[in-house]
């Protein structure tokens, strides 16, 4: 009997066990082995692609985390700036009201003293 190993499984050289018909069986075995080798090659490429994809996803996740942190910092800065300018606007309104009030008082005093 002619034994060939494919992976860990031994197979017979001929289907009926005779030695005379080993060549066609051997050719079929070689074709099958070539197909297996091709599939193994394709699977290796696929595994490499999956690993590359995983690395890219990891990088993308890191960038997304950094972007999220930047956005959070921007939001805090924007809130602080908004509060600062709100107080500036309040002060400006108070100053304008005080100036208008002083002008009104001056006009009232001027009108009452000119009579």
PDB file of N, CA and C in Angstrom:
ATOM      1  N   UNK A   1       0.831  -1.179   0.000  1.00  0.00           N
ATOM      2  CA  UNK A   1       0.000   0.000   0.000  1.00  0.00           C
ATOM      3  C   UNK A   1       0.873   1.238   0.000  1.00  0.00           C
ATOM      4  N   UNK A   2       0.386   2.258  -0.684  1.00  0.00           N
ATOM      5  CA  UNK A   2       1.115   3.519  -0.772  1.00  0.00           C
ATOM      6  C   UNK A   2       0.440   4.519   0.151  1.00  0.00           C
ATOM      7  N   UNK A   3       1.137   4.949   1.193  1.00  0.00           N
ATOM      8  CA  UNK A   3       0.549   5.894   2.143  1.00  0.00           C
ATOM      9  C   UNK A   3       1.060   7.292   1.866  1.00  0.00           C
ATOM     10  N   UNK A   4       0.140   8.242   1.841  1.00  0.00           N
ATOM     11  CA  UNK A   4       0.480   9.664   1.710  1.00  0.00           C
ATOM     12  C   UNK A   4      -0.169  10.381   2.872  1.00  0.00           C
ATOM     13  N   UNK A   5       0.517  11.372   3.419  1.00  0.00           N
ATOM     14  CA  UNK A   5      -0.098  12.096   4.536  1.00  0.00           C
ATOM     15  C   UNK A   5      -0.534  13.471   4.067  1.00  0.00           C
ATOM     16  N   UNK A   6      -1.764  13.795   4.359  1.00  0.00           N
ATOM     17  CA  UNK A   6      -2.311  15.122   4.115  1.00  0.00           C
ATOM     18  C   UNK A   6      -2.674  15.658   5.478  1.00  0.00           C
ATOM     19  N   UNK A   7      -1.947  16.651   5.925  1.00  0.00           N
ATOM     20  CA  UNK A   7      -2.164  17.134   7.282  1.00  0.00           C
ATOM     21  C   UNK A   7      -1.702  16.063   8.232  1.00  0.00           C
ATOM     22  N   UNK A   8      -2.598  15.555   9.069  1.00  0.00           N
ATOM     23  CA  UNK A   8      -2.235  14.498  10.003  1.00  0.00           C
ATOM     24  C   UNK A   8      -2.947  13.194   9.669  1.00  0.00           C
ATOM     25  N   UNK A   9      -3.707  13.142   8.572  1.00  0.00           N
ATOM     26  CA  UNK A   9      -4.478  11.966   8.199  1.00  0.00           C
ATOM     27  C   UNK A   9      -3.766  11.193   7.089  1.00  0.00           C
ATOM     28  N   UNK A  10      -3.360   9.956   7.313  1.00  0.00           N
ATOM     29  CA  UNK A  10      -2.776   9.160   6.224  1.00  0.00           C
ATOM     30  C   UNK A  10      -3.883   8.702   5.287  1.00  0.00           C
ATOM     31  N   UNK A  11      -3.580   8.662   3.990  1.00  0.00           N
ATOM     32  CA  UNK A  11      -4.551   8.187   3.006  1.00  0.00           C
ATOM     33  C   UNK A  11      -3.891   7.121   2.154  1.00  0.00           C
ATOM     34  N   UNK A  12      -4.687   6.268   1.596  1.00  0.00           N
ATOM     35  CA  UNK A  12      -4.185   5.198   0.750  1.00  0.00           C
ATOM     36  C   UNK A  12      -3.902   5.731  -0.637  1.00  0.00           C
ATOM     37  N   UNK A  13      -2.937   5.107  -1.326  1.00  0.00           N
ATOM     38  CA  UNK A  13      -2.573   5.531  -2.668  1.00  0.00           C
ATOM     39  C   UNK A  13      -3.655   5.219  -3.683  1.00  0.00           C
ATOM     40  N   UNK A  14      -4.390   4.150  -3.534  1.00  0.00           N
ATOM     41  CA  UNK A  14      -5.458   3.791  -4.454  1.00  0.00           C
ATOM     42  C   UNK A  14      -6.718   3.536  -3.659  1.00  0.00           C
ATOM     43  N   UNK A  15      -7.844   3.767  -4.308  1.00  0.00           N
ATOM     44  CA  UNK A  15      -9.098   3.648  -3.584  1.00  0.00           C
ATOM     45  C   UNK A  15      -9.438   2.201  -3.247  1.00  0.00           C
ATOM     46  N   UNK A  16      -9.056   1.249  -4.094  1.00  0.00           N
ATOM     47  CA  UNK A  16      -9.363  -0.146  -3.795  1.00  0.00           C
ATOM     48  C   UNK A  16      -8.206  -0.872  -3.125  1.00  0.00           C
ATOM     49  N   UNK A  17      -7.109  -0.183  -2.886  1.00  0.00           N
ATOM     50  CA  UNK A  17      -5.983  -0.778  -2.192  1.00  0.00           C
ATOM     51  C   UNK A  17      -4.991  -1.447  -3.121  1.00  0.00           C
ATOM     52  N   UNK A  18      -5.227  -1.506  -4.438  1.00  0.00           N
ATOM     53  CA  UNK A  18      -4.291  -2.143  -5.360  1.00  0.00           C
ATOM     54  C   UNK A  18      -3.161  -1.196  -5.699  1.00  0.00           C
ATOM     55  N   UNK A  19      -1.986  -1.740  -5.993  1.00  0.00           N
ATOM     56  CA  UNK A  19      -0.816  -0.919  -6.252  1.00  0.00           C
ATOM     57  C   UNK A  19      -0.772  -0.438  -7.692  1.00  0.00           C
ATOM     58  N   UNK A  20      -1.438  -1.062  -8.610  1.00  0.00           N
ATOM     59  CA  UNK A  20      -1.392  -0.708 -10.020  1.00  0.00           C
ATOM     60  C   UNK A  20      -2.081   0.603 -10.342  1.00  0.00           C
ATOM     61  N   UNK A  21      -3.004   1.027  -9.560  1.00  0.00           N
ATOM     62  CA  UNK A  21      -3.765   2.234  -9.856  1.00  0.00           C
ATOM     63  C   UNK A  21      -3.323   3.410  -8.987  1.00  0.00           C
ATOM     64  N   UNK A  22      -2.099   3.460  -8.551  1.00  0.00           N
ATOM     65  CA  UNK A  22      -1.592   4.509  -7.676  1.00  0.00           C
ATOM     66  C   UNK A  22      -1.378   5.828  -8.386  1.00  0.00           C
ATOM     67  N   UNK A  23      -1.051   5.841  -9.663  1.00  0.00           N
ATOM     68  CA  UNK A  23      -0.754   7.086 -10.367  1.00  0.00           C
ATOM     69  C   UNK A  23      -1.956   8.023 -10.477  1.00  0.00           C
ATOM     70  N   UNK A  24      -3.117   7.574 -10.966  1.00  0.00           N
ATOM     71  CA  UNK A  24      -4.254   8.509 -11.026  1.00  0.00           C
ATOM     72  C   UNK A  24      -4.634   9.031  -9.639  1.00  0.00           C
ATOM     73  N   UNK A  25      -4.541   8.149  -8.649  1.00  0.00           N
ATOM     74  CA  UNK A  25      -4.863   8.572  -7.285  1.00  0.00           C
ATOM     75  C   UNK A  25      -3.825   9.590  -6.810  1.00  0.00           C
ATOM     76  N   UNK A  26      -2.566   9.374  -7.141  1.00  0.00           N
ATOM     77  CA  UNK A  26      -1.495  10.285  -6.745  1.00  0.00           C
ATOM     78  C   UNK A  26      -1.688  11.648  -7.403  1.00  0.00           C
ATOM     79  N   UNK A  27      -2.112  11.644  -8.657  1.00  0.00           N
ATOM     80  CA  UNK A  27      -2.357  12.907  -9.357  1.00  0.00           C
ATOM     81  C   UNK A  27      -3.507  13.661  -8.692  1.00  0.00           C
ATOM     82  N   UNK A  28      -4.548  12.917  -8.347  1.00  0.00           N
ATOM     83  CA  UNK A  28      -5.679  13.545  -7.652  1.00  0.00           C
ATOM     84  C   UNK A  28      -5.245  14.089  -6.305  1.00  0.00           C
ATOM     85  N   UNK A  29      -4.402  13.334  -5.624  1.00  0.00           N
ATOM     86  CA  UNK A  29      -3.903  13.764  -4.325  1.00  0.00           C
ATOM     87  C   UNK A  29      -3.062  15.029  -4.471  1.00  0.00           C
ATOM     88  N   UNK A  30      -2.242  15.078  -5.513  1.00  0.00           N
ATOM     89  CA  UNK A  30      -1.430  16.270  -5.754  1.00  0.00           C
ATOM     90  C   UNK A  30      -2.309  17.477  -6.066  1.00  0.00           C
ATOM     91  N   UNK A  31      -3.360  17.252  -6.861  1.00  0.00           N
ATOM     92  CA  UNK A  31      -4.287  18.347  -7.170  1.00  0.00           C
ATOM     93  C   UNK A  31      -4.984  18.836  -5.900  1.00  0.00           C
ATOM     94  N   UNK A  32      -5.404  17.884  -5.083  1.00  0.00           N
ATOM     95  CA  UNK A  32      -6.060  18.248  -3.825  1.00  0.00           C
ATOM     96  C   UNK A  32      -5.096  18.996  -2.919  1.00  0.00           C
ATOM     97  N   UNK A  33      -3.836  18.498  -2.869  1.00  0.00           N
ATOM     98  CA  UNK A  33      -2.832  19.172  -2.039  1.00  0.00           C
ATOM     99  C   UNK A  33      -2.573  20.585  -2.563  1.00  0.00           C
ATOM    100  N   UNK A  34      -2.550  20.753  -3.880  1.00  0.00           N
ATOM    101  CA  UNK A  34      -2.354  22.083  -4.468  1.00  0.00           C
ATOM    102  C   UNK A  34      -3.512  23.004  -4.087  1.00  0.00           C
ATOM    103  N   UNK A  35      -4.728  22.459  -4.121  1.00  0.00           N
ATOM    104  CA  UNK A  35      -5.892  23.256  -3.724  1.00  0.00           C
ATOM    105  C   UNK A  35      -5.810  23.635  -2.249  1.00  0.00           C
ATOM    106  N   UNK A  36      -5.407  22.679  -1.420  1.00  0.00           N
ATOM    107  CA  UNK A  36      -5.261  22.952   0.015  1.00  0.00           C
ATOM    108  C   UNK A  36      -4.201  24.032   0.224  1.00  0.00           C
ATOM    109  N   UNK A  37      -3.072  23.908  -0.491  1.00  0.00           N
ATOM    110  CA  UNK A  37      -2.012  24.911  -0.368  1.00  0.00           C
ATOM    111  C   UNK A  37      -2.509  26.291  -0.795  1.00  0.00           C
ATOM    112  N   UNK A  38      -3.308  26.315  -1.868  1.00  0.00           N
ATOM    113  CA  UNK A  38      -3.864  27.591  -2.334  1.00  0.00           C
ATOM    114  C   UNK A  38      -4.795  28.189  -1.281  1.00  0.00           C
ATOM    115  N   UNK A  39      -5.647  27.355  -0.703  1.00  0.00           N
ATOM    116  CA  UNK A  39      -6.564  27.826   0.340  1.00  0.00           C
ATOM    117  C   UNK A  39      -5.780  28.314   1.558  1.00  0.00           C
ATOM    118  N   UNK A  40      -4.716  27.583   1.919  1.00  0.00           N
ATOM    119  CA  UNK A  40      -3.883  27.999   3.054  1.00  0.00           C
ATOM    120  C   UNK A  40      -3.252  29.357   2.759  1.00  0.00           C
ATOM    121  N   UNK A  41      -2.771  29.535   1.531  1.00  0.00           N
ATOM    122  CA  UNK A  41      -2.193  30.825   1.143  1.00  0.00           C
ATOM    123  C   UNK A  41      -3.210  31.947   1.236  1.00  0.00           C
ATOM    124  N   UNK A  42      -4.411  31.682   0.737  1.00  0.00           N
ATOM    125  CA  UNK A  42      -5.483  32.682   0.802  1.00  0.00           C
ATOM    126  C   UNK A  42      -5.825  32.999   2.252  1.00  0.00           C
ATOM    127  N   UNK A  43      -5.892  31.971   3.074  1.00  0.00           N
ATOM    128  CA  UNK A  43      -6.215  32.192   4.489  1.00  0.00           C
ATOM    129  C   UNK A  43      -5.122  32.997   5.186  1.00  0.00           C
ATOM    130  N   UNK A  44      -3.853  32.742   4.841  1.00  0.00           N
ATOM    131  CA  UNK A  44      -2.761  33.525   5.424  1.00  0.00           C
ATOM    132  C   UNK A  44      -2.907  34.993   5.052  1.00  0.00           C
ATOM    133  N   UNK A  45      -3.228  35.247   3.778  1.00  0.00           N
ATOM    134  CA  UNK A  45      -3.436  36.628   3.331  1.00  0.00           C
ATOM    135  C   UNK A  45      -4.607  37.245   4.088  1.00  0.00           C
ATOM    136  N   UNK A  46      -5.680  36.479   4.250  1.00  0.00           N
ATOM    137  CA  UNK A  46      -6.848  36.984   4.973  1.00  0.00           C
ATOM    138  C   UNK A  46      -6.515  37.302   6.426  1.00  0.00           C
ATOM    139  N   UNK A  47      -5.740  36.431   7.064  1.00  0.00           N
ATOM    140  CA  UNK A  47      -5.344  36.674   8.458  1.00  0.00           C
ATOM    141  C   UNK A  47      -4.497  37.935   8.545  1.00  0.00           C
ATOM    142  N   UNK A  48      -3.565  38.111   7.590  1.00  0.00           N
ATOM    143  CA  UNK A  48      -2.744  39.324   7.575  1.00  0.00           C
ATOM    144  C   UNK A  48      -3.617  40.565   7.415  1.00  0.00           C
ATOM    145  N   UNK A  49      -4.608  40.476   6.528  1.00  0.00           N
ATOM    146  CA  UNK A  49      -5.513  41.610   6.324  1.00  0.00           C
ATOM    147  C   UNK A  49      -6.310  41.909   7.593  1.00  0.00           C
ATOM    148  N   UNK A  50      -6.753  40.864   8.277  1.00  0.00           N
ATOM    149  CA  UNK A  50      -7.503  41.055   9.523  1.00  0.00           C
ATOM    150  C   UNK A  50      -6.620  41.718  10.575  1.00  0.00           C
ATOM    151  N   UNK A  51      -5.363  41.284  10.661  1.00  0.00           N
ATOM    152  CA  UNK A  51      -4.440  41.889  11.627  1.00  0.00           C
ATOM    153  C   UNK A  51      -4.167  43.351  11.284  1.00  0.00           C
ATOM    154  N   UNK A  52      -3.995  43.656   9.991  1.00  0.00           N
ATOM    155  CA  UNK A  52      -3.811  45.046   9.572  1.00  0.00           C
ATOM    156  C   UNK A  52      -5.053  45.866   9.905  1.00  0.00           C
ATOM    157  N   UNK A  53      -6.209  45.291   9.645  1.00  0.00           N
ATOM    158  CA  UNK A  53      -7.469  45.983   9.940  1.00  0.00           C
ATOM    159  C   UNK A  53      -7.588  46.257  11.432  1.00  0.00           C
ATOM    160  N   UNK A  54      -7.191  45.275  12.246  1.00  0.00           N
ATOM    161  CA  UNK A  54      -7.234  45.451  13.692  1.00  0.00           C
ATOM    162  C   UNK A  54      -6.312  46.586  14.121  1.00  0.00           C
ATOM    163  N   UNK A  55      -5.117  46.647  13.530  1.00  0.00           N
ATOM    164  CA  UNK A  55      -4.177  47.722  13.869  1.00  0.00           C
ATOM    165  C   UNK A  55      -4.749  49.076  13.465  1.00  0.00           C
ATOM    166  N   UNK A  56      -5.350  49.136  12.280  1.00  0.00           N
ATOM    167  CA  UNK A  56      -5.941  50.397  11.817  1.00  0.00           C
ATOM    168  C   UNK A  56      -7.107  50.804  12.710  1.00  0.00           C
ATOM    169  N   UNK A  57      -7.926  49.832  13.107  1.00  0.00           N
ATOM    170  CA  UNK A  57      -9.043  50.142  14.001  1.00  0.00           C
ATOM    171  C   UNK A  57      -8.547  50.629  15.356  1.00  0.00           C
ATOM    172  N   UNK A  58      -7.472  50.038  15.827  1.00  0.00           N
ATOM    173  CA  UNK A  58      -6.886  50.470  17.096  1.00  0.00           C
ATOM    174  C   UNK A  58      -6.389  51.909  16.991  1.00  0.00           C
ATOM    175  N   UNK A  59      -5.714  52.229  15.890  1.00  0.00           N
ATOM    176  CA  UNK A  59      -5.253  53.602  15.674  1.00  0.00           C
ATOM    177  C   UNK A  59      -6.436  54.554  15.580  1.00  0.00           C
ATOM    178  N   UNK A  60      -7.461  54.141  14.869  1.00  0.00           N
ATOM    179  CA  UNK A  60      -8.648  54.979  14.721  1.00  0.00           C
ATOM    180  C   UNK A  60      -9.322  55.205  16.066  1.00  0.00           C
ATOM    181  N   UNK A  61      -9.358  54.165  16.894  1.00  0.00           N
ATOM    182  CA  UNK A  61      -9.941  54.295  18.231  1.00  0.00           C
ATOM    183  C   UNK A  61      -9.136  55.279  19.073  1.00  0.00           C
ATOM    184  N   UNK A  62      -7.809  55.198  18.979  1.00  0.00           N
ATOM    185  CA  UNK A  62      -6.960  56.141  19.716  1.00  0.00           C
ATOM    186  C   UNK A  62      -7.203  57.574  19.246  1.00  0.00           C
ATOM    187  N   UNK A  63      -7.298  57.741  17.932  1.00  0.00           N
ATOM    188  CA  UNK A  63      -7.550  59.088  17.393  1.00  0.00           C
ATOM    189  C   UNK A  63      -8.927  59.594  17.822  1.00  0.00           C
ATOM    190  N   UNK A  64      -9.913  58.708  17.848  1.00  0.00           N
ATOM    191  CA  UNK A  64     -11.255  59.107  18.275  1.00  0.00           C
ATOM    192  C   UNK A  64     -11.253  59.519  19.744  1.00  0.00           C
ATOM    193  N   UNK A  65     -10.506  58.780  20.571  1.00  0.00           N
ATOM    194  CA  UNK A  65     -10.399  59.155  21.988  1.00  0.00           C
ATOM    195  C   UNK A  65      -9.745  60.521  22.141  1.00  0.00           C
ATOM    196  N   UNK A  66      -8.669  60.757  21.383  1.00  0.00           N
ATOM    197  CA  UNK A  66      -7.986  62.052  21.446  1.00  0.00           C
ATOM    198  C   UNK A  66      -8.911  63.167  20.972  1.00  0.00           C
ATOM    199  N   UNK A  67      -9.666  62.897  19.926  1.00  0.00           N
ATOM    200  CA  UNK A  67     -10.607  63.892  19.410  1.00  0.00           C
ATOM    201  C   UNK A  67     -11.704  64.174  20.427  1.00  0.00           C
ATOM    202  N   UNK A  68     -12.184  63.133  21.091  1.00  0.00           N
ATOM    203  CA  UNK A  68     -13.210  63.307  22.117  1.00  0.00           C
ATOM    204  C   UNK A  68     -12.678  64.159  23.256  1.00  0.00           C
ATOM    205  N   UNK A  69     -11.447  63.899  23.669  1.00  0.00           N
ATOM    206  CA  UNK A  69     -10.854  64.683  24.751  1.00  0.00           C
ATOM    207  C   UNK A  69     -10.670  66.138  24.317  1.00  0.00           C
ATOM    208  N   UNK A  70     -10.239  66.335  23.073  1.00  0.00           N
ATOM    209  CA  UNK A  70     -10.090  67.695  22.545  1.00  0.00           C
ATOM    210  C   UNK A  70     -11.426  68.416  22.492  1.00  0.00           C
ATOM    211  N   UNK A  71     -12.465  67.700  22.092  1.00  0.00           N
ATOM    212  CA  UNK A  71     -13.798  68.301  22.027  1.00  0.00           C
ATOM    213  C   UNK A  71     -14.289  68.673  23.419  1.00  0.00           C
ATOM    214  N   UNK A  72     -14.016  67.822  24.388  1.00  0.00           N
ATOM    215  CA  UNK A  72     -14.415  68.111  25.766  1.00  0.00           C
ATOM    216  C   UNK A  72     -13.684  69.347  26.284  1.00  0.00           C
ATOM    217  N   UNK A  73     -12.392  69.434  26.007  1.00  0.00           N
ATOM    218  CA  UNK A  73     -11.607  70.601  26.426  1.00  0.00           C
ATOM    219  C   UNK A  73     -12.119  71.860  25.729  1.00  0.00           C
ATOM    220  N   UNK A  74     -12.449  71.744  24.446  1.00  0.00           N
ATOM    221  CA  UNK A  74     -12.989  72.881  23.701  1.00  0.00           C
ATOM    222  C   UNK A  74     -14.310  73.338  24.309  1.00  0.00           C
ATOM    223  N   UNK A  75     -15.143  72.383  24.675  1.00  0.00           N
ATOM    224  CA  UNK A  75     -16.439  72.716  25.270  1.00  0.00           C
ATOM    225  C   UNK A  75     -16.253  73.474  26.585  1.00  0.00           C
ATOM    226  N   UNK A  76     -15.307  73.031  27.410  1.00  0.00           N
ATOM    227  CA  UNK A  76     -15.039  73.722  28.674  1.00  0.00           C
ATOM    228  C   UNK A  76     -14.519  75.134  28.419  1.00  0.00           C
ATOM    229  N   UNK A  77     -13.598  75.255  27.471  1.00  0.00           N
ATOM    230  CA  UNK A  77     -13.041  76.576  27.150  1.00  0.00           C
ATOM    231  C   UNK A  77     -14.121  77.501  26.607  1.00  0.00           C
ATOM    232  N   UNK A  78     -14.994  76.964  25.774  1.00  0.00           N
ATOM    233  CA  UNK A  78     -16.074  77.771  25.205  1.00  0.00           C
ATOM    234  C   UNK A  78     -17.019  78.253  26.304  1.00  0.00           C
ATOM    235  N   UNK A  79     -17.326  77.392  27.260  1.00  0.00           N
ATOM    236  CA  UNK A  79     -18.211  77.790  28.362  1.00  0.00           C
ATOM    237  C   UNK A  79     -17.554  78.876  29.208  1.00  0.00           C
ATOM    238  N   UNK A  80     -16.261  78.736  29.484  1.00  0.00           N
ATOM    239  CA  UNK A  80     -15.541  79.751  30.262  1.00  0.00           C
ATOM    240  C   UNK A  80     -15.524  81.077  29.517  1.00  0.00           C
ATOM    241  N   UNK A  81     -15.240  81.030  28.230  1.00  0.00           N
ATOM    242  CA  UNK A  81     -15.203  82.248  27.420  1.00  0.00           C
ATOM    243  C   UNK A  81     -16.579  82.897  27.340  1.00  0.00           C
ATOM    244  N   UNK A  82     -17.612  82.084  27.207  1.00  0.00           N
ATOM    245  CA  UNK A  82     -18.977  82.614  27.153  1.00  0.00           C
ATOM    246  C   UNK A  82     -19.314  83.333  28.448  1.00  0.00           C
ATOM    247  N   UNK A  83     -18.976  82.742  29.578  1.00  0.00           N
ATOM    248  CA  UNK A  83     -19.231  83.360  30.879  1.00  0.00           C
ATOM    249  C   UNK A  83     -18.458  84.673  31.013  1.00  0.00           C
ATOM    250  N   UNK A  84     -17.210  84.670  30.577  1.00  0.00           N
ATOM    251  CA  UNK A  84     -16.370  85.871  30.657  1.00  0.00           C
ATOM    252  C   UNK A  84     -16.996  87.022  29.865  1.00  0.00           C
ATOM    253  N   UNK A  85     -17.398  86.745  28.635  1.00  0.00           N
ATOM    254  CA  UNK A  85     -17.967  87.812  27.814  1.00  0.00           C
ATOM    255  C   UNK A  85     -19.373  88.180  28.253  1.00  0.00           C
ATOM    256  N   UNK A  86     -20.096  87.284  28.886  1.00  0.00           N
ATOM    257  CA  UNK A  86     -21.401  87.642  29.434  1.00  0.00           C
ATOM    258  C   UNK A  86     -21.210  88.691  30.530  1.00  0.00           C
ATOM    259  N   UNK A  87     -20.221  88.470  31.413  1.00  0.00           N
ATOM    260  CA  UNK A  87     -19.943  89.454  32.466  1.00  0.00           C
ATOM    261  C   UNK A  87     -19.457  90.764  31.861  1.00  0.00           C
ATOM    262  N   UNK A  88     -18.634  90.719  30.813  1.00  0.00           N
ATOM    263  CA  UNK A  88     -18.188  91.948  30.153  1.00  0.00           C
ATOM    264  C   UNK A  88     -19.380  92.713  29.599  1.00  0.00           C
ATOM    265  N   UNK A  89     -20.312  91.994  28.978  1.00  0.00           N
ATOM    266  CA  UNK A  89     -21.511  92.648  28.435  1.00  0.00           C
ATOM    267  C   UNK A  89     -22.351  93.258  29.553  1.00  0.00           C
ATOM    268  N   UNK A  90     -22.482  92.535  30.668  1.00  0.00           N
ATOM    269  CA  UNK A  90     -23.229  93.089  31.806  1.00  0.00           C
ATOM    270  C   UNK A  90     -22.570  94.371  32.302  1.00  0.00           C
ATOM    271  N   UNK A  91     -21.265  94.372  32.451  1.00  0.00           N
ATOM    272  CA  UNK A  91     -20.545  95.566  32.903  1.00  0.00           C
ATOM    273  C   UNK A  91     -20.742  96.709  31.919  1.00  0.00           C
ATOM    274  N   UNK A  92     -20.678  96.410  30.623  1.00  0.00           N
ATOM    275  CA  UNK A  92     -20.857  97.447  29.605  1.00  0.00           C
ATOM    276  C   UNK A  92     -22.262  98.023  29.675  1.00  0.00           C
ATOM    277  N   UNK A  93     -23.260  97.192  29.854  1.00  0.00           N
ATOM    278  CA  UNK A  93     -24.641  97.683  29.967  1.00  0.00           C
ATOM    279  C   UNK A  93     -24.782  98.558  31.204  1.00  0.00           C
ATOM    280  N   UNK A  94     -24.184  98.149  32.319  1.00  0.00           N
ATOM    281  CA  UNK A  94     -24.251  98.951  33.550  1.00  0.00           C
ATOM    282  C   UNK A  94     -23.565 100.297  33.336  1.00  0.00           C
ATOM    283  N   UNK A  95     -22.401 100.297  32.674  1.00  0.00           N
ATOM    284  CA  UNK A  95     -21.688 101.555  32.412  1.00  0.00           C
ATOM    285  C   UNK A  95     -22.514 102.458  31.503  1.00  0.00           C
ATOM    286  N   UNK A  96     -23.101 101.902  30.453  1.00  0.00           N
ATOM    287  CA  UNK A  96     -23.934 102.705  29.542  1.00  0.00           C
ATOM    288  C   UNK A  96     -25.136 103.267  30.287  1.00  0.00           C
ATOM    289  N   UNK A  97     -25.786 102.455  31.116  1.00  0.00           N
ATOM    290  CA  UNK A  97     -26.931 102.946  31.901  1.00  0.00           C
ATOM    291  C   UNK A  97     -26.490 104.064  32.849  1.00  0.00           C
ATOM    292  N   UNK A  98     -25.325 103.915  33.466  1.00  0.00           N
ATOM    293  CA  UNK A  98     -24.825 104.949  34.377  1.00  0.00           C
ATOM    294  C   UNK A  98     -24.551 106.238  33.616  1.00  0.00           C
ATOM    295  N   UNK A  99     -23.950 106.144  32.427  1.00  0.00           N
ATOM    296  CA  UNK A  99     -23.676 107.343  31.619  1.00  0.00           C
ATOM    297  C   UNK A  99     -24.977 108.016  31.211  1.00  0.00           C
ATOM    298  N   UNK A 100     -25.952 107.217  30.760  1.00  0.00           N
ATOM    299  CA  UNK A 100     -27.255 107.781  30.377  1.00  0.00           C
ATOM    300  C   UNK A 100     -27.907 108.438  31.585  1.00  0.00           C
ATOM    301  N   UNK A 101     -27.833 107.824  32.748  1.00  0.00           N
ATOM    302  CA  UNK A 101     -28.408 108.390  33.969  1.00  0.00           C
ATOM    303  C   UNK A 101     -27.721 109.705  34.337  1.00  0.00           C
ATOM    304  N   UNK A 102     -26.399 109.745  34.222  1.00  0.00           N
ATOM    305  CA  UNK A 102     -25.667 110.984  34.512  1.00  0.00           C
ATOM    306  C   UNK A 102     -26.073 112.076  33.536  1.00  0.00           C
ATOM    307  N   UNK A 103     -26.208 111.741  32.256  1.00  0.00           N
ATOM    308  CA  UNK A 103     -26.630 112.734  31.255  1.00  0.00           C
ATOM    309  C   UNK A 103     -28.028 113.244  31.578  1.00  0.00           C
ATOM    310  N   UNK A 104     -28.926 112.337  31.952  1.00  0.00           N
ATOM    311  CA  UNK A 104     -30.299 112.759  32.307  1.00  0.00           C
ATOM    312  C   UNK A 104     -30.259 113.670  33.530  1.00  0.00           C
ATOM    313  N   UNK A 105     -29.467 113.341  34.529  1.00  0.00           N
ATOM    314  CA  UNK A 105     -29.362 114.179  35.738  1.00  0.00           C
ATOM    315  C   UNK A 105     -28.802 115.550  35.370  1.00  0.00           C
ATOM    316  N   UNK A 106     -27.776 115.587  34.514  1.00  0.00           N
ATOM    317  CA  UNK A 106     -27.200 116.871  34.092  1.00  0.00           C
ATOM    318  C   UNK A 106     -28.244 117.704  33.369  1.00  0.00           C
ATOM    319  N   UNK A 107     -29.005 117.075  32.489  1.00  0.00           N
ATOM    320  CA  UNK A 107     -30.043 117.811  31.747  1.00  0.00           C
ATOM    321  C   UNK A 107     -31.109 118.332  32.707  1.00  0.00           C
ATOM    322  N   UNK A 108     -31.537 117.497  33.643  1.00  0.00           N
ATOM    323  CA  UNK A 108     -32.569 117.918  34.600  1.00  0.00           C
ATOM    324  C   UNK A 108     -32.040 119.075  35.449  1.00  0.00           C
ATOM    325  N   UNK A 109     -30.824 118.968  35.937  1.00  0.00           N
ATOM    326  CA  UNK A 109     -30.244 120.042  36.760  1.00  0.00           C
ATOM    327  C   UNK A 109     -30.083 121.306  35.926  1.00  0.00           C
ATOM    328  N   UNK A 110     -29.622 121.201  34.709  1.00  0.00           N
ATOM    329  CA  UNK A 110     -29.428 122.361  33.844  1.00  0.00           C
ATOM    330  C   UNK A 110     -30.756 123.050  33.536  1.00  0.00           C
ATOM    331  N   UNK A 111     -31.804 122.232  33.253  1.00  0.00           N
ATOM    332  CA  UNK A 111     -33.123 122.806  32.958  1.00  0.00           C
ATOM    333  C   UNK A 111     -33.692 123.463  34.216  1.00  0.00           C
ATOM    334  N   UNK A 112     -33.554 122.846  35.367  1.00  0.00           N
ATOM    335  CA  UNK A 112     -34.131 123.420  36.587  1.00  0.00           C
ATOM    336  C   UNK A 112     -33.366 124.665  37.042  1.00  0.00           C
ATOM    337  N   UNK A 113     -32.098 124.788  36.774  1.00  0.00           N
ATOM    338  CA  UNK A 113     -31.343 125.983  37.169  1.00  0.00           C
ATOM    339  C   UNK A 113     -31.506 127.106  36.165  1.00  0.00           C
ATOM    340  N   UNK A 114     -31.832 126.818  34.951  1.00  0.00           N
ATOM    341  CA  UNK A 114     -32.003 127.893  33.983  1.00  0.00           C
ATOM    342  C   UNK A 114     -33.360 128.556  34.121  1.00  0.00           C
ATOM    343  N   UNK A 115     -34.270 128.048  34.806  1.00  0.00           N
ATOM    344  CA  UNK A 115     -35.578 128.692  34.994  1.00  0.00           C
ATOM    345  C   UNK A 115     -35.543 129.614  36.103  1.00  0.00           C
TER     346      UNK A 115
END
